[in-house]
Amino acid sequence: MGLHRLTRVTIGVPNVEETIRYYTDFGLEPLGNGSFGTRDGGEQLKIVHAPVRRLLELGIGVDDQDDVARITLQLQRLGVPVDHNGTELSAQEPISGFVARIQVAPRIVQEMTPATPYNGPGRTDRRGRAPGVVRTEPIKPRKLGHTVIGTTDLAATMRFFTEGLGFKVSDYIGEKGAFMRCSVDHHNVLAMAAPVNFLHHTSWQVDDIDDVGRGAKAMLEGNPERHIWGLGRHHAGSNFFWYLKDPAGNFSEYYSDMDCIPEDEIWTPETFHGAQGLFNWGPPPPPSFLEPDDLAAMMTGQHSTV
């Protein structure tokens, strides 16, 4: 594919210091100046000031300069202006307005997490207490997995990602959204039709379902208002999830056990409808997940922190 991962997201928020404290609590590694790292992905998040919360930049890693040149031509064929400085390119997504930055970057190599032994009917594989029960170390996300954006022109945003950047479609949510990938993960971007352009959430990989739950528990102790939705399991992507809300109103997700699609695998996208497009099991999503509380304010230009 040439494309192989998301490198970094830059998020603009009106309340920078408060949001920085949130992502420090979330387990990302503070690198200074509003930047954060993950265990396996290096620097992957930057928080900067903006009058309203929004996605400002999405970084995408490729293998070599041939990939950069190919994407440059693809974007130019779409009529998208490209800034190419000789080593990387940047292009503004024409609808949501964020900048996609394409650069040569090393592929993420993750140390394999040992399989957690489970007891079950007729099985006594595990001795002693379950490992997830006795863990005490704080949650440290492994990598940035995906980001979800709302767009007022889904077809145009999809063309930018698929025909311009070279993402592949994994699945659809009716005519309202598309899961797209630039790696072996089921999705790295979900674009959703929306009445206003906005950042819905970023998603961060942890080792397993126990760490999804442990991370959420730690985030909610003393801060129950951070809870949005979870614990549950998605159908598209199959990942376990728990969603929380940062002080600017962006959602952040702990996830584990995402479907993988190797580059040589034949994958036929499916179209899901209704609740199936959102979750397989777990509590139903609250209205504030489907339509964030500040969506109306963003539509009318009456911006405020949430």
Protein backbone atom coordinates (compact mmCIF):
# COMPACT_ATOMS: atom_id res chain seq x y z
CA MET A 1 0.00 0.00 0.00
CA GLY A 2 2.85 2.40 0.79
CA LEU A 3 0.69 4.06 3.42
CA HIS A 4 1.16 2.32 6.74
CA ARG A 5 -0.05 4.37 9.72
CA LEU A 6 -1.27 7.58 11.25
CA THR A 7 1.70 9.48 12.58
CA ARG A 8 0.14 12.35 14.54
CA VAL A 9 -2.98 14.42 15.08
CA THR A 10 -2.96 18.11 15.95
CA ILE A 11 -6.07 19.29 17.76
CA GLY A 12 -7.03 22.91 18.32
CA VAL A 13 -8.89 23.72 21.54
CA PRO A 14 -9.83 26.94 23.35
CA ASN A 15 -8.68 25.60 26.75
CA VAL A 16 -5.16 24.30 26.12
CA GLU A 17 -3.84 23.79 29.66
CA GLU A 18 -6.96 22.00 30.88
CA THR A 19 -6.93 19.72 27.85
CA ILE A 20 -3.22 18.97 28.33
CA ARG A 21 -3.94 17.83 31.88
CA TYR A 22 -6.69 15.53 30.59
CA TYR A 23 -4.46 13.71 28.09
CA THR A 24 -1.75 13.41 30.72
CA ASP A 25 -4.31 11.64 32.93
CA PHE A 26 -5.35 9.57 29.89
CA GLY A 27 -1.87 8.00 29.91
CA LEU A 28 -0.17 9.69 26.97
CA GLU A 29 3.43 10.73 27.61
CA PRO A 30 3.88 14.52 27.91
CA LEU A 31 6.72 15.67 25.67
CA GLY A 32 6.42 19.39 26.35
CA ASN A 33 4.84 22.25 24.45
CA GLY A 34 1.49 20.46 24.19
CA SER A 35 2.91 17.34 22.53
CA PHE A 36 2.30 13.75 23.65
CA GLY A 37 3.75 10.37 22.79
CA THR A 38 2.64 6.75 22.89
CA ARG A 39 4.62 3.65 23.83
CA ASP A 40 5.05 2.43 20.26
CA GLY A 41 4.24 5.38 18.00
CA GLY A 42 6.43 8.20 19.30
CA GLU A 43 4.98 11.70 19.22
CA GLN A 44 1.35 11.31 18.15
CA LEU A 45 -0.70 14.17 19.58
CA LYS A 46 -0.26 17.91 19.75
CA ILE A 47 -2.65 20.29 21.49
CA VAL A 48 -2.66 23.92 20.33
CA HIS A 49 -4.93 26.90 20.80
CA ALA A 50 -7.92 27.48 18.54
CA PRO A 51 -11.13 29.45 19.12
CA VAL A 52 -13.20 26.27 18.69
CA ARG A 53 -12.28 22.63 19.07
CA ARG A 54 -11.27 21.09 15.76
CA LEU A 55 -8.88 18.78 13.95
CA LEU A 56 -6.08 20.91 12.52
CA GLU A 57 -3.69 18.34 11.09
CA LEU A 58 -3.61 14.61 10.40
CA GLY A 59 -0.23 13.00 9.78
CA ILE A 60 0.08 9.89 7.61
CA GLY A 61 3.22 7.78 7.28
CA VAL A 62 4.49 6.31 4.00
CA ASP A 63 7.46 4.11 3.16
CA ASP A 64 9.48 6.24 0.75
CA GLN A 65 9.62 9.28 -1.53
CA ASP A 66 7.99 7.34 -4.36
CA ASP A 67 4.87 7.16 -2.19
CA VAL A 68 5.02 10.90 -1.57
CA ALA A 69 5.34 11.54 -5.33
CA ARG A 70 2.45 9.20 -6.16
CA ILE A 71 0.12 10.86 -3.65
CA THR A 72 1.14 14.29 -4.94
CA LEU A 73 -0.01 13.32 -8.45
CA GLN A 74 -3.24 11.76 -7.15
CA LEU A 75 -4.15 14.92 -5.26
CA GLN A 76 -3.29 17.14 -8.21
CA ARG A 77 -5.60 15.07 -10.42
CA LEU A 78 -8.40 15.85 -7.96
CA GLY A 79 -7.56 19.53 -8.18
CA VAL A 80 -6.34 19.70 -4.58
CA PRO A 81 -3.48 22.20 -4.08
CA VAL A 82 -0.34 20.50 -2.76
CA ASP A 83 2.61 21.97 -0.87
CA HIS A 84 5.63 19.73 -1.49
CA ASN A 85 8.87 20.80 0.20
CA GLY A 86 10.99 17.99 -1.24
CA THR A 87 10.63 15.55 1.66
CA GLU A 88 6.94 15.68 2.57
CA LEU A 89 3.69 17.05 1.26
CA SER A 90 0.75 18.78 2.85
CA ALA A 91 -2.72 19.31 1.43
CA GLN A 92 -5.87 20.80 2.89
CA GLU A 93 -8.90 18.55 2.95
CA PRO A 94 -11.40 20.64 0.98
CA ILE A 95 -14.43 20.18 3.22
CA SER A 96 -13.35 19.91 6.86
CA GLY A 97 -10.32 22.13 6.27
CA PHE A 98 -7.72 20.17 8.22
CA VAL A 99 -4.26 19.63 6.72
CA ALA A 100 -3.15 16.13 5.76
CA ARG A 101 0.62 15.83 6.10
CA ILE A 102 2.25 12.93 4.26
CA GLN A 103 5.79 12.05 5.26
CA VAL A 104 8.23 9.17 5.15
CA ALA A 105 8.09 7.50 8.57
CA PRO A 106 9.19 4.19 10.06
CA ARG A 107 6.56 1.51 10.35
CA ILE A 108 5.41 0.79 13.88
CA VAL A 109 6.88 -2.46 15.17
CA GLN A 110 5.01 -3.57 18.27
CA GLU A 111 6.32 -6.05 20.79
CA MET A 112 3.84 -8.88 20.90
CA THR A 113 1.66 -8.91 23.98
CA PRO A 114 1.52 -12.41 25.49
CA ALA A 115 -1.88 -14.01 25.09
CA THR A 116 -3.93 -13.72 28.26
CA PRO A 117 -4.97 -17.18 29.51
CA TYR A 118 -8.70 -17.55 30.05
CA ASN A 119 -10.59 -20.19 31.94
CA GLY A 120 -13.85 -21.33 30.41
CA PRO A 121 -16.22 -24.28 30.22
CA GLY A 122 -14.04 -27.36 30.22
CA ARG A 123 -10.85 -25.24 30.35
CA THR A 124 -8.58 -24.49 33.28
CA ASP A 125 -5.75 -22.83 31.38
CA ARG A 126 -5.05 -20.21 34.03
CA ARG A 127 -3.76 -20.74 37.54
CA GLY A 128 -4.22 -18.08 40.19
CA ARG A 129 -5.99 -14.79 39.66
CA ALA A 130 -6.51 -13.35 36.19
CA PRO A 131 -3.56 -11.13 35.13
CA GLY A 132 -5.89 -8.22 34.37
CA VAL A 133 -7.15 -8.25 37.95
CA VAL A 134 -3.72 -7.95 39.56
CA ARG A 135 -2.20 -5.32 37.24
CA THR A 136 -1.38 -2.08 39.01
CA GLU A 137 0.68 -0.10 36.49
CA PRO A 138 -1.00 2.98 34.95
CA ILE A 139 -2.39 2.67 31.44
CA LYS A 140 0.00 3.82 28.70
CA PRO A 141 -1.59 3.65 25.21
CA ARG A 142 0.40 1.76 22.59
CA LYS A 143 -0.44 3.91 19.54
CA LEU A 144 -2.91 6.24 17.89
CA GLY A 145 -5.32 3.96 16.06
CA HIS A 146 -7.87 6.14 14.31
CA THR A 147 -9.72 9.42 14.21
CA VAL A 148 -13.35 10.15 13.38
CA ILE A 149 -14.50 13.31 11.64
CA GLY A 150 -17.84 14.78 10.74
CA THR A 151 -18.08 16.30 7.27
CA THR A 152 -20.75 18.29 5.47
CA ASP A 153 -19.85 16.58 2.17
CA LEU A 154 -19.15 12.90 2.78
CA ALA A 155 -18.57 12.05 -0.88
CA ALA A 156 -15.95 14.78 -1.31
CA THR A 157 -14.15 13.84 1.91
CA MET A 158 -14.11 10.19 0.85
CA ARG A 159 -12.63 11.12 -2.54
CA PHE A 160 -9.88 13.04 -0.78
CA PHE A 161 -8.95 10.02 1.33
CA THR A 162 -9.42 7.25 -1.24
CA GLU A 163 -8.61 8.77 -4.64
CA GLY A 164 -6.26 11.42 -3.29
CA LEU A 165 -4.34 9.83 -0.42
CA GLY A 166 -4.88 6.15 -1.29
CA PHE A 167 -6.89 4.94 1.70
CA LYS A 168 -9.00 1.81 1.24
CA VAL A 169 -12.63 1.46 2.33
CA SER A 170 -13.23 -1.30 4.88
CA ASP A 171 -16.95 -0.93 5.64
CA TYR A 172 -19.85 1.50 5.34
CA ILE A 173 -22.48 2.79 7.75
CA GLY A 174 -25.39 2.98 5.32
CA GLU A 175 -24.92 6.15 3.27
CA LYS A 176 -23.81 8.08 6.34
CA GLY A 177 -20.22 7.01 6.87
CA ALA A 178 -17.21 5.08 5.67
CA PHE A 179 -14.47 3.28 7.58
CA MET A 180 -11.18 3.78 5.74
CA ARG A 181 -7.71 2.41 6.38
CA CYS A 182 -4.10 3.33 5.63
CA SER A 183 -2.63 0.39 7.56
CA VAL A 184 -3.49 -3.20 8.43
CA ASP A 185 -5.97 -1.96 11.04
CA HIS A 186 -9.63 -2.17 10.05
CA HIS A 187 -9.88 1.62 10.05
CA ASN A 188 -7.70 4.63 10.65
CA VAL A 189 -10.31 7.23 9.65
CA LEU A 190 -14.08 7.16 9.87
CA ALA A 191 -15.76 9.97 7.95
CA MET A 192 -19.40 10.62 8.89
CA ALA A 193 -22.00 12.82 7.24
CA ALA A 194 -22.76 15.70 9.61
CA PRO A 195 -24.45 19.12 9.59
CA VAL A 196 -21.13 20.77 10.51
CA ASN A 197 -17.47 19.85 10.10
CA PHE A 198 -15.99 18.71 13.41
CA LEU A 199 -13.69 16.28 15.18
CA HIS A 200 -15.68 13.49 16.82
CA HIS A 201 -12.93 11.46 18.50
CA THR A 202 -9.44 10.05 18.53
CA SER A 203 -8.83 6.43 19.45
CA TRP A 204 -5.88 4.95 21.32
CA GLN A 205 -4.82 1.31 21.43
CA VAL A 206 -4.23 -0.50 24.72
CA ASP A 207 -3.24 -4.12 25.28
CA ASP A 208 -6.57 -5.78 25.97
CA ILE A 209 -10.09 -5.45 27.35
CA ASP A 210 -8.77 -5.31 30.91
CA ASP A 211 -6.73 -2.23 30.06
CA VAL A 212 -9.74 -0.66 28.35
CA GLY A 213 -11.64 -1.07 31.60
CA ARG A 214 -8.74 -0.14 33.88
CA GLY A 215 -8.02 2.99 31.88
CA ALA A 216 -11.63 4.14 32.02
CA LYS A 217 -11.88 3.39 35.73
CA ALA A 218 -8.82 5.51 36.47
CA MET A 219 -10.10 8.38 34.32
CA LEU A 220 -13.52 8.37 35.99
CA GLU A 221 -12.36 8.26 39.61
CA GLY A 222 -13.19 11.73 40.84
CA ASN A 223 -14.25 12.80 37.32
CA PRO A 224 -17.49 10.95 36.46
CA GLU A 225 -18.43 13.68 33.97
CA ARG A 226 -15.76 12.33 31.62
CA HIS A 227 -17.81 9.21 30.87
CA ILE A 228 -19.57 9.02 27.50
CA TRP A 229 -20.07 5.40 26.39
CA GLY A 230 -18.76 1.95 27.32
CA LEU A 231 -17.84 -0.74 27.96
CA GLY A 232 -18.85 -2.32 24.67
CA ARG A 233 -17.71 -4.03 21.48
CA HIS A 234 -18.07 -2.54 18.03
CA HIS A 235 -19.30 -4.63 15.10
CA ALA A 236 -17.36 -2.85 12.35
CA GLY A 237 -13.76 -3.35 13.44
CA SER A 238 -14.76 -5.69 16.28
CA ASN A 239 -12.82 -3.67 18.86
CA PHE A 240 -13.68 -3.31 22.54
CA PHE A 241 -14.26 0.35 23.43
CA TRP A 242 -14.79 2.92 26.12
CA TYR A 243 -15.31 6.59 25.25
CA LEU A 244 -14.49 9.57 27.44
CA LYS A 245 -14.75 13.33 26.87
CA ASP A 246 -11.93 15.84 27.16
CA PRO A 247 -12.52 19.36 28.59
CA ALA A 248 -12.85 20.86 25.10
CA GLY A 249 -15.62 18.44 24.10
CA ASN A 250 -13.62 15.97 21.99
CA PHE A 251 -14.13 12.28 22.68
CA SER A 252 -11.18 9.96 23.27
CA GLU A 253 -11.43 6.19 23.07
CA TYR A 254 -9.49 3.36 24.65
CA TYR A 255 -9.70 0.35 22.33
CA SER A 256 -8.30 -3.17 21.97
CA ASP A 257 -8.70 -6.18 19.67
CA MET A 258 -9.24 -4.36 16.38
CA ASP A 259 -9.76 -6.44 13.23
CA CYS A 260 -6.64 -6.52 11.05
CA ILE A 261 -6.65 -6.63 7.25
CA PRO A 262 -3.24 -7.66 5.86
CA GLU A 263 -2.34 -5.94 2.60
CA ASP A 264 -2.67 -9.18 0.62
CA GLU A 265 -6.05 -10.15 2.11
CA ILE A 266 -9.12 -9.96 -0.09
CA TRP A 267 -11.60 -7.88 1.90
CA THR A 268 -15.10 -7.01 0.71
CA PRO A 269 -16.62 -3.98 2.48
CA GLU A 270 -20.00 -4.53 4.11
CA THR A 271 -22.74 -1.98 4.66
CA PHE A 272 -24.18 -1.84 8.17
CA HIS A 273 -27.42 -0.14 9.16
CA GLY A 274 -28.78 1.20 12.40
CA ALA A 275 -27.29 0.08 15.67
CA GLN A 276 -25.25 -2.66 13.97
CA GLY A 277 -23.04 0.03 12.49
CA LEU A 278 -22.19 1.24 15.98
CA PHE A 279 -21.96 -1.68 18.37
CA ASN A 280 -22.37 -5.42 18.73
CA TRP A 281 -22.97 -5.42 22.46
CA GLY A 282 -22.87 -3.03 25.39
CA PRO A 283 -25.09 -0.18 26.52
CA PRO A 284 -26.72 1.83 23.73
CA PRO A 285 -24.90 5.00 22.77
CA PRO A 286 -26.20 8.12 24.52
CA PRO A 287 -27.62 10.95 22.40
CA SER A 288 -24.54 13.06 23.23
CA PHE A 289 -22.33 10.52 21.44
CA LEU A 290 -24.34 10.67 18.25
CA GLU A 291 -24.78 14.44 18.44
CA PRO A 292 -22.22 16.06 20.76
CA ASP A 293 -23.62 18.68 23.12
CA ASP A 294 -21.81 21.54 21.40
CA LEU A 295 -22.84 20.60 17.84
CA ALA A 296 -25.64 23.17 17.67
CA ALA A 297 -23.30 25.89 18.95
CA MET A 298 -20.75 25.01 16.27
CA MET A 299 -23.46 25.15 13.62
CA THR A 300 -24.55 28.63 14.69
CA GLY A 301 -21.05 29.91 15.38
CA GLN A 302 -21.71 30.31 19.10
CA HIS A 303 -18.54 28.54 20.18
CA SER A 304 -17.93 27.64 23.78
CA THR A 305 -16.09 24.98 25.73
CA VAL A 306 -18.11 22.03 26.94
